[in-house]
Amino acid sequence: MSLNNQELHKELIKYLTTAPIRENDPRFMSALDDVVYEFLTKEEADLIEILYFKSRNAAWRSKILRGLIQCKELELKDFFRKLIKKNDT
């Protein structure tokens, strides 16, 4: 039985919540690549933000940023303020 997009998204978020952050781990990277940003809740967006700021991989950060920009329903002003502040230092 295949999972629908929303169920798959929940499984990916569950994995990303518990897995160690390893940018060289293919499973971790695949899970991050497959997140469906349109399904993100505020709590899940907070997790993705943490992953963004912990990452040193520019391509990975870019992908997260593009995904978060799509989240028009979420209030992400604080994330973008932190991002601007970090880039100004």
C-alpha atoms as a PDB file:
ATOM      1  CA  MET A   1       0.000   0.000   0.000  1.00  0.00           C
ATOM      2  CA  SER A   2       1.458   3.349  -0.975  1.00  0.00           C
ATOM      3  CA  LEU A   3       1.279   6.425   1.207  1.00  0.00           C
ATOM      4  CA  ASN A   4      -0.435   9.565  -0.025  1.00  0.00           C
ATOM      5  CA  ASN A   5       1.578  12.806  -0.047  1.00  0.00           C
ATOM      6  CA  GLN A   6       0.367  13.991   3.337  1.00  0.00           C
ATOM      7  CA  GLU A   7       1.077  10.653   5.038  1.00  0.00           C
ATOM      8  CA  LEU A   8       4.514  10.529   3.421  1.00  0.00           C
ATOM      9  CA  HIS A   9       5.176  14.084   4.572  1.00  0.00           C
ATOM     10  CA  LYS A  10       4.285  13.146   8.186  1.00  0.00           C
ATOM     11  CA  GLU A  11       6.625  10.133   8.039  1.00  0.00           C
ATOM     12  CA  LEU A  12       9.459  12.304   6.686  1.00  0.00           C
ATOM     13  CA  ILE A  13       8.981  14.933   9.391  1.00  0.00           C
ATOM     14  CA  LYS A  14       8.900  12.220  12.057  1.00  0.00           C
ATOM     15  CA  TYR A  15      12.200  10.861  10.720  1.00  0.00           C
ATOM     16  CA  LEU A  16      13.814  14.323  10.487  1.00  0.00           C
ATOM     17  CA  THR A  17      12.742  15.039  14.072  1.00  0.00           C
ATOM     18  CA  THR A  18      14.515  11.979  15.457  1.00  0.00           C
ATOM     19  CA  ALA A  19      17.438  11.443  13.081  1.00  0.00           C
ATOM     20  CA  PRO A  20      20.863  12.922  13.762  1.00  0.00           C
ATOM     21  CA  ILE A  21      21.614  15.835  11.446  1.00  0.00           C
ATOM     22  CA  ARG A  22      24.075  14.461   8.927  1.00  0.00           C
ATOM     23  CA  GLU A  23      24.437  16.308   5.673  1.00  0.00           C
ATOM     24  CA  ASN A  24      26.363  13.387   4.196  1.00  0.00           C
ATOM     25  CA  ASP A  25      23.694  10.795   5.068  1.00  0.00           C
ATOM     26  CA  PRO A  26      21.770   9.894   1.897  1.00  0.00           C
ATOM     27  CA  ARG A  27      18.652   8.895   3.876  1.00  0.00           C
ATOM     28  CA  PHE A  28      18.599  12.188   5.764  1.00  0.00           C
ATOM     29  CA  MET A  29      19.149  14.197   2.585  1.00  0.00           C
ATOM     30  CA  SER A  30      16.468  12.241   0.744  1.00  0.00           C
ATOM     31  CA  ALA A  31      13.999  12.864   3.565  1.00  0.00           C
ATOM     32  CA  LEU A  32      14.754  16.572   3.472  1.00  0.00           C
ATOM     33  CA  ASP A  33      14.395  16.640  -0.314  1.00  0.00           C
ATOM     34  CA  ASP A  34      10.982  14.963  -0.126  1.00  0.00           C
ATOM     35  CA  VAL A  35       9.386  17.262   2.477  1.00  0.00           C
ATOM     36  CA  VAL A  36       6.157  18.706   1.078  1.00  0.00           C
ATOM     37  CA  TYR A  37       6.422  22.309   2.215  1.00  0.00           C
ATOM     38  CA  GLU A  38       2.762  23.072   1.499  1.00  0.00           C
ATOM     39  CA  PHE A  39       1.824  20.634   4.305  1.00  0.00           C
ATOM     40  CA  LEU A  40       4.130  22.170   6.947  1.00  0.00           C
ATOM     41  CA  THR A  41       2.615  23.095  10.274  1.00  0.00           C
ATOM     42  CA  LYS A  42       4.184  25.878  12.345  1.00  0.00           C
ATOM     43  CA  GLU A  43       5.939  23.287  14.540  1.00  0.00           C
ATOM     44  CA  GLU A  44       7.308  21.475  11.481  1.00  0.00           C
ATOM     45  CA  ALA A  45       8.464  24.782   9.989  1.00  0.00           C
ATOM     46  CA  ASP A  46      10.320  25.424  13.264  1.00  0.00           C
ATOM     47  CA  LEU A  47      12.152  22.111  12.785  1.00  0.00           C
ATOM     48  CA  ILE A  48      13.037  22.987   9.196  1.00  0.00           C
ATOM     49  CA  GLU A  49      14.308  26.389  10.374  1.00  0.00           C
ATOM     50  CA  ILE A  50      16.591  24.675  12.905  1.00  0.00           C
ATOM     51  CA  LEU A  51      17.924  22.409  10.169  1.00  0.00           C
ATOM     52  CA  TYR A  52      18.514  25.462   7.978  1.00  0.00           C
ATOM     53  CA  PHE A  53      20.589  27.287  10.591  1.00  0.00           C
ATOM     54  CA  LYS A  54      22.580  24.163  11.526  1.00  0.00           C
ATOM     55  CA  SER A  55      23.483  23.402   7.936  1.00  0.00           C
ATOM     56  CA  ARG A  56      26.774  24.375   6.327  1.00  0.00           C
ATOM     57  CA  ASN A  57      25.726  23.055   2.911  1.00  0.00           C
ATOM     58  CA  ALA A  58      24.756  25.985   0.648  1.00  0.00           C
ATOM     59  CA  ALA A  59      22.696  23.839  -1.750  1.00  0.00           C
ATOM     60  CA  TRP A  60      20.780  22.289   1.135  1.00  0.00           C
ATOM     61  CA  ARG A  61      20.123  25.702   2.712  1.00  0.00           C
ATOM     62  CA  SER A  62      18.962  27.049  -0.647  1.00  0.00           C
ATOM     63  CA  LYS A  63      16.491  24.176  -1.044  1.00  0.00           C
ATOM     64  CA  ILE A  64      15.093  24.783   2.450  1.00  0.00           C
ATOM     65  CA  LEU A  65      14.812  28.507   1.785  1.00  0.00           C
ATOM     66  CA  ARG A  66      12.921  27.924  -1.481  1.00  0.00           C
ATOM     67  CA  GLY A  67      10.590  25.545   0.336  1.00  0.00           C
ATOM     68  CA  LEU A  68       9.903  27.955   3.199  1.00  0.00           C
ATOM     69  CA  ILE A  69       9.186  30.789   0.775  1.00  0.00           C
ATOM     70  CA  GLN A  70       6.318  28.626  -0.565  1.00  0.00           C
ATOM     71  CA  CYS A  71       4.727  28.500   2.915  1.00  0.00           C
ATOM     72  CA  LYS A  72       2.474  31.494   2.472  1.00  0.00           C
ATOM     73  CA  GLU A  73       0.062  30.279   5.163  1.00  0.00           C
ATOM     74  CA  LEU A  74       2.709  30.261   7.910  1.00  0.00           C
ATOM     75  CA  GLU A  75       3.989  33.266   9.801  1.00  0.00           C
ATOM     76  CA  LEU A  76       7.717  33.146   9.076  1.00  0.00           C
ATOM     77  CA  LYS A  77       8.721  36.772   9.708  1.00  0.00           C
ATOM     78  CA  ASP A  78      10.933  35.783  12.649  1.00  0.00           C
ATOM     79  CA  PHE A  79      12.790  33.241  10.528  1.00  0.00           C
ATOM     80  CA  PHE A  80      13.507  35.791   7.825  1.00  0.00           C
ATOM     81  CA  ARG A  81      14.585  38.380  10.429  1.00  0.00           C
ATOM     82  CA  LYS A  82      17.057  35.844  11.884  1.00  0.00           C
ATOM     83  CA  LEU A  83      18.239  35.027   8.380  1.00  0.00           C
ATOM     84  CA  ILE A  84      18.874  38.672   7.525  1.00  0.00           C
ATOM     85  CA  LYS A  85      20.577  39.282  10.871  1.00  0.00           C
ATOM     86  CA  LYS A  86      22.832  36.236  10.386  1.00  0.00           C
ATOM     87  CA  ASN A  87      23.771  37.338   6.867  1.00  0.00           C
ATOM     88  CA  ASP A  88      24.554  40.880   8.066  1.00  0.00           C
ATOM     89  CA  THR A  89      27.159  39.641  10.551  1.00  0.00           C
END
